[in-house]
Amino acid sequence: MRPSDYELLKLTPLYAAVGKDSIDRLIRDAIVQAAPKGAVLFEEGDEAQFVYVILAGQVGLVAGGSGGAATLIEFFNAGEIFVAPAAILNLRLLVSARVTHDARIVMIAAETFRHAVAHDHALAVAMVAVLAKHWRLLIRQIKDLKLRSTAERLAAYLLTLIPATGGPATLKLAEERKLLAGRLGMTPETLSRAFVQLRKLGVSSRGRQVQIASVRQLRDFCGFDDLV
């Protein structure tokens, strides 16, 4: 691990939660991988050999369907840890992982991680918090899919990307529209139609650039809340 990698690791919530000694034990035999956009970290059904901590970049978790169809389940960004449940339970992976932005990733051996969780109280508590956060994220996704139309789903997602609660706002989507469509549970064509529907609410877009005339109006449209 480069000194610069370790400095990035110190910025992660995991480091803040468990401290230097626990992290040093955890990464003693870890690998840091530079992964370009499009790289595959693992495939659905593989054995969970590692737990991954993203130092820089972005990774998308992808699930396959019948007939070769696939959809993006979630994005993970710098500072986040993913596929810990499969490693802790020593089960096969439910998703594949594709690098969506050039990344540097710490790969911690699953066996090392399981041993650390069993013997390091701070790490065990930290993982309870991480898994609880992921569970709430999953419930929010389920609520969006079951209770919101495609346009409302898109509006709610855009609102998570901005801090404003009232006036106008401008944002830039981090993901390609095709990937975003999968994350929101729709086809790219449906995503385009959802953007068209939001025009009447003052939402305009060009490529990844999105302008919102009234954040409050968009919040009212999709019944947005600040629960996380």
Protein backbone atom coordinates (compact mmCIF):
# COMPACT_ATOMS: atom_id res chain seq x y z
CA MET A 1 0.00 0.00 0.00
CA ARG A 2 1.36 3.37 -1.01
CA PRO A 3 1.54 6.13 1.60
CA SER A 4 -0.97 8.05 -0.52
CA ASP A 5 -3.34 5.07 -0.39
CA TYR A 6 -3.09 4.98 3.38
CA GLU A 7 -3.88 8.70 3.55
CA LEU A 8 -7.04 8.04 1.53
CA LEU A 9 -7.91 5.13 3.81
CA LYS A 10 -7.66 7.46 6.80
CA LEU A 11 -10.48 9.53 5.27
CA THR A 12 -12.94 6.61 5.23
CA PRO A 13 -15.76 6.15 7.75
CA LEU A 14 -14.31 2.70 8.53
CA TYR A 15 -11.02 4.20 9.70
CA ALA A 16 -12.86 6.81 11.76
CA ALA A 17 -14.93 4.08 13.40
CA VAL A 18 -12.19 1.57 14.31
CA GLY A 19 -8.95 3.54 14.49
CA LYS A 20 -5.37 3.01 13.37
CA ASP A 21 -4.53 -0.20 15.25
CA SER A 22 -7.58 -2.09 13.98
CA ILE A 23 -7.08 -0.86 10.43
CA ASP A 24 -3.39 -1.81 10.45
CA ARG A 25 -4.24 -5.36 11.53
CA LEU A 26 -7.00 -5.57 8.95
CA ILE A 27 -4.87 -4.47 6.00
CA ARG A 28 -1.66 -6.27 6.94
CA ASP A 29 -2.00 -8.62 3.96
CA ALA A 30 -4.42 -6.53 1.89
CA ILE A 31 -3.97 -5.73 -1.81
CA VAL A 32 -4.53 -2.32 -3.38
CA GLN A 33 -5.76 -2.59 -6.95
CA ALA A 34 -5.87 0.14 -9.58
CA ALA A 35 -8.98 -0.65 -11.63
CA PRO A 36 -9.85 1.22 -14.83
CA LYS A 37 -13.40 2.05 -15.85
CA GLY A 38 -15.08 -1.09 -17.18
CA ALA A 39 -12.98 -3.52 -15.13
CA VAL A 40 -14.79 -6.47 -13.56
CA LEU A 41 -13.88 -7.09 -9.92
CA PHE A 42 -15.95 -10.26 -9.55
CA GLU A 43 -18.89 -12.05 -11.12
CA GLU A 44 -22.26 -13.01 -9.68
CA GLY A 45 -21.99 -16.49 -8.14
CA ASP A 46 -18.26 -16.24 -7.37
CA GLU A 47 -17.00 -17.13 -3.92
CA ALA A 48 -16.51 -14.08 -1.71
CA GLN A 49 -12.72 -13.93 -1.59
CA PHE A 50 -12.38 -10.28 -0.56
CA VAL A 51 -14.07 -7.34 1.12
CA TYR A 52 -13.55 -4.12 -0.84
CA VAL A 53 -12.93 -0.57 0.37
CA ILE A 54 -12.95 2.11 -2.33
CA LEU A 55 -10.19 4.69 -1.95
CA ALA A 56 -11.04 6.58 -5.14
CA GLY A 57 -13.47 6.17 -8.02
CA GLN A 58 -16.80 4.35 -8.20
CA VAL A 59 -18.05 0.78 -8.49
CA GLY A 60 -21.48 -0.44 -9.60
CA LEU A 61 -23.02 -3.69 -8.39
CA VAL A 62 -24.86 -5.45 -11.20
CA ALA A 63 -27.35 -8.34 -11.05
CA GLY A 64 -28.14 -10.60 -13.98
CA GLY A 65 -31.59 -11.72 -15.08
CA SER A 66 -33.14 -14.22 -17.43
CA GLY A 67 -32.16 -14.07 -21.08
CA GLY A 68 -28.90 -12.28 -20.31
CA ALA A 69 -30.57 -9.10 -19.05
CA ALA A 70 -28.73 -7.21 -16.31
CA THR A 71 -29.45 -4.22 -14.14
CA LEU A 72 -27.40 -2.00 -11.90
CA ILE A 73 -28.37 -2.39 -8.25
CA GLU A 74 -26.32 0.33 -6.58
CA PHE A 75 -23.30 2.59 -6.87
CA PHE A 76 -20.54 2.65 -4.26
CA ASN A 77 -18.18 5.61 -4.04
CA ALA A 78 -14.87 6.56 -2.45
CA GLY A 79 -14.79 5.72 1.26
CA GLU A 80 -17.40 2.98 1.10
CA ILE A 81 -17.05 -0.73 1.86
CA PHE A 82 -19.01 -3.38 -0.03
CA VAL A 83 -19.86 -7.13 -0.19
CA ALA A 84 -19.00 -7.55 3.49
CA PRO A 85 -22.14 -9.70 4.13
CA ALA A 86 -21.05 -12.41 1.70
CA ALA A 87 -17.58 -12.47 3.23
CA ILE A 88 -18.88 -12.57 6.81
CA LEU A 89 -21.32 -15.40 6.01
CA ASN A 90 -18.84 -17.17 3.69
CA LEU A 91 -21.44 -17.29 0.92
CA ARG A 92 -21.33 -16.75 -2.82
CA LEU A 93 -21.80 -13.28 -4.22
CA LEU A 94 -25.29 -12.20 -5.30
CA VAL A 95 -24.02 -9.57 -7.75
CA SER A 96 -21.20 -8.70 -10.11
CA ALA A 97 -19.02 -5.62 -9.68
CA ARG A 98 -18.10 -3.26 -12.52
CA VAL A 99 -15.84 -0.23 -12.13
CA THR A 100 -17.81 2.80 -13.37
CA HIS A 101 -15.07 5.39 -12.75
CA ASP A 102 -11.32 4.66 -12.60
CA ALA A 103 -10.71 3.44 -9.07
CA ARG A 104 -8.21 2.42 -6.43
CA ILE A 105 -9.57 -0.27 -4.18
CA VAL A 106 -8.31 -2.02 -1.05
CA MET A 107 -9.01 -5.76 -1.21
CA ILE A 108 -9.08 -7.44 2.22
CA ALA A 109 -9.07 -11.23 2.26
CA ALA A 110 -12.47 -12.56 3.38
CA GLU A 111 -10.93 -14.93 5.93
CA THR A 112 -8.92 -12.10 7.45
CA PHE A 113 -12.03 -9.96 7.60
CA ARG A 114 -14.13 -12.69 9.26
CA HIS A 115 -11.44 -13.24 11.90
CA ALA A 116 -11.20 -9.51 12.58
CA VAL A 117 -14.98 -9.12 12.95
CA ALA A 118 -15.04 -12.03 15.41
CA HIS A 119 -12.21 -10.66 17.56
CA ASP A 120 -12.28 -6.87 17.18
CA HIS A 121 -15.20 -5.28 19.02
CA ALA A 122 -14.78 -1.89 17.32
CA LEU A 123 -14.85 -3.48 13.86
CA ALA A 124 -17.90 -5.58 14.74
CA VAL A 125 -19.78 -2.48 15.90
CA ALA A 126 -18.68 -0.58 12.78
CA MET A 127 -19.97 -3.36 10.55
CA VAL A 128 -23.34 -3.38 12.33
CA ALA A 129 -23.60 0.31 11.46
CA VAL A 130 -22.56 -0.25 7.82
CA LEU A 131 -25.02 -3.12 7.32
CA ALA A 132 -27.81 -1.17 9.01
CA LYS A 133 -27.17 1.73 6.63
CA HIS A 134 -27.25 -0.62 3.63
CA TRP A 135 -30.50 -2.17 4.90
CA ARG A 136 -32.13 1.26 5.11
CA LEU A 137 -30.87 2.05 1.62
CA LEU A 138 -32.47 -1.15 0.35
CA ILE A 139 -35.80 -0.31 2.02
CA ARG A 140 -35.74 3.16 0.45
CA GLN A 141 -35.16 1.59 -2.96
CA ILE A 142 -38.05 -0.81 -2.44
CA LYS A 143 -40.32 2.05 -1.40
CA ASP A 144 -39.34 4.01 -4.50
CA LEU A 145 -40.03 1.06 -6.80
CA LYS A 146 -43.38 0.23 -5.22
CA LEU A 147 -44.77 3.67 -4.41
CA ARG A 148 -43.39 6.11 -6.98
CA SER A 149 -43.88 6.52 -10.71
CA THR A 150 -40.80 6.64 -12.90
CA ALA A 151 -40.87 10.46 -13.01
CA GLU A 152 -41.30 10.65 -9.23
CA ARG A 153 -38.45 8.16 -8.78
CA LEU A 154 -36.14 10.26 -10.95
CA ALA A 155 -37.16 13.44 -9.11
CA ALA A 156 -36.43 11.85 -5.74
CA TYR A 157 -33.03 10.67 -6.94
CA LEU A 158 -32.08 14.12 -8.23
CA LEU A 159 -33.04 15.62 -4.89
CA THR A 160 -30.62 13.31 -3.06
CA LEU A 161 -27.77 14.90 -5.06
CA ILE A 162 -28.35 18.49 -3.91
CA PRO A 163 -28.35 20.16 -0.47
CA ALA A 164 -30.88 22.84 -1.36
CA THR A 165 -34.47 22.64 -0.11
CA GLY A 166 -36.10 25.61 -1.83
CA GLY A 167 -34.82 27.62 -4.79
CA PRO A 168 -33.06 26.71 -8.02
CA ALA A 169 -30.20 24.21 -8.23
CA THR A 170 -27.74 22.83 -10.74
CA LEU A 171 -26.11 19.42 -10.59
CA LYS A 172 -24.02 17.10 -12.71
CA LEU A 173 -24.87 13.40 -12.85
CA ALA A 174 -21.85 11.27 -11.94
CA GLU A 175 -23.15 8.28 -13.90
CA GLU A 176 -23.92 7.62 -17.54
CA ARG A 177 -27.65 7.71 -18.18
CA LYS A 178 -27.74 4.02 -19.08
CA LEU A 179 -26.30 3.12 -15.67
CA LEU A 180 -28.57 5.58 -13.88
CA ALA A 181 -31.61 4.02 -15.57
CA GLY A 182 -30.66 0.61 -14.19
CA ARG A 183 -30.14 2.05 -10.70
CA LEU A 184 -33.64 3.55 -10.84
CA GLY A 185 -35.26 0.36 -12.14
CA MET A 186 -36.14 1.54 -15.63
CA THR A 187 -34.90 1.33 -19.20
CA PRO A 188 -32.88 4.18 -20.75
CA GLU A 189 -35.90 5.02 -22.92
CA THR A 190 -38.13 5.25 -19.85
CA LEU A 191 -35.55 7.45 -18.12
CA SER A 192 -35.61 9.82 -21.10
CA ARG A 193 -39.41 10.00 -20.90
CA ALA A 194 -39.18 10.68 -17.17
CA PHE A 195 -36.88 13.63 -17.84
CA VAL A 196 -39.42 14.91 -20.39
CA GLN A 197 -42.20 14.66 -17.78
CA LEU A 198 -40.13 16.72 -15.34
CA ARG A 199 -39.77 19.59 -17.82
CA LYS A 200 -43.16 20.95 -16.75
CA LEU A 201 -41.69 21.23 -13.25
CA GLY A 202 -38.75 23.28 -14.45
CA VAL A 203 -36.19 20.48 -14.79
CA SER A 204 -33.98 20.77 -17.86
CA SER A 205 -31.07 18.52 -18.81
CA ARG A 206 -28.31 18.31 -21.36
CA GLY A 207 -26.13 15.24 -21.12
CA ARG A 208 -25.21 14.89 -17.46
CA GLN A 209 -25.93 18.53 -16.59
CA VAL A 210 -29.29 19.06 -14.87
CA GLN A 211 -30.91 22.36 -13.88
CA ILE A 212 -33.81 22.55 -11.44
CA ALA A 213 -35.86 25.75 -11.39
CA SER A 214 -37.56 25.04 -8.04
CA VAL A 215 -36.31 22.42 -5.63
CA ARG A 216 -39.37 22.90 -3.44
CA GLN A 217 -41.73 22.19 -6.35
CA LEU A 218 -39.81 19.02 -7.17
CA ARG A 219 -39.94 17.90 -3.52
CA ASP A 220 -43.71 18.42 -3.45
CA PHE A 221 -44.12 16.51 -6.72
CA CYS A 222 -42.48 13.31 -5.48
CA GLY A 223 -43.34 13.58 -1.79
CA PHE A 224 -39.65 13.74 -0.93
CA ASP A 225 -38.51 13.30 2.66
CA ASP A 226 -35.12 13.70 4.30
CA LEU A 227 -35.06 10.28 5.94
CA VAL A 228 -31.75 8.48 5.39
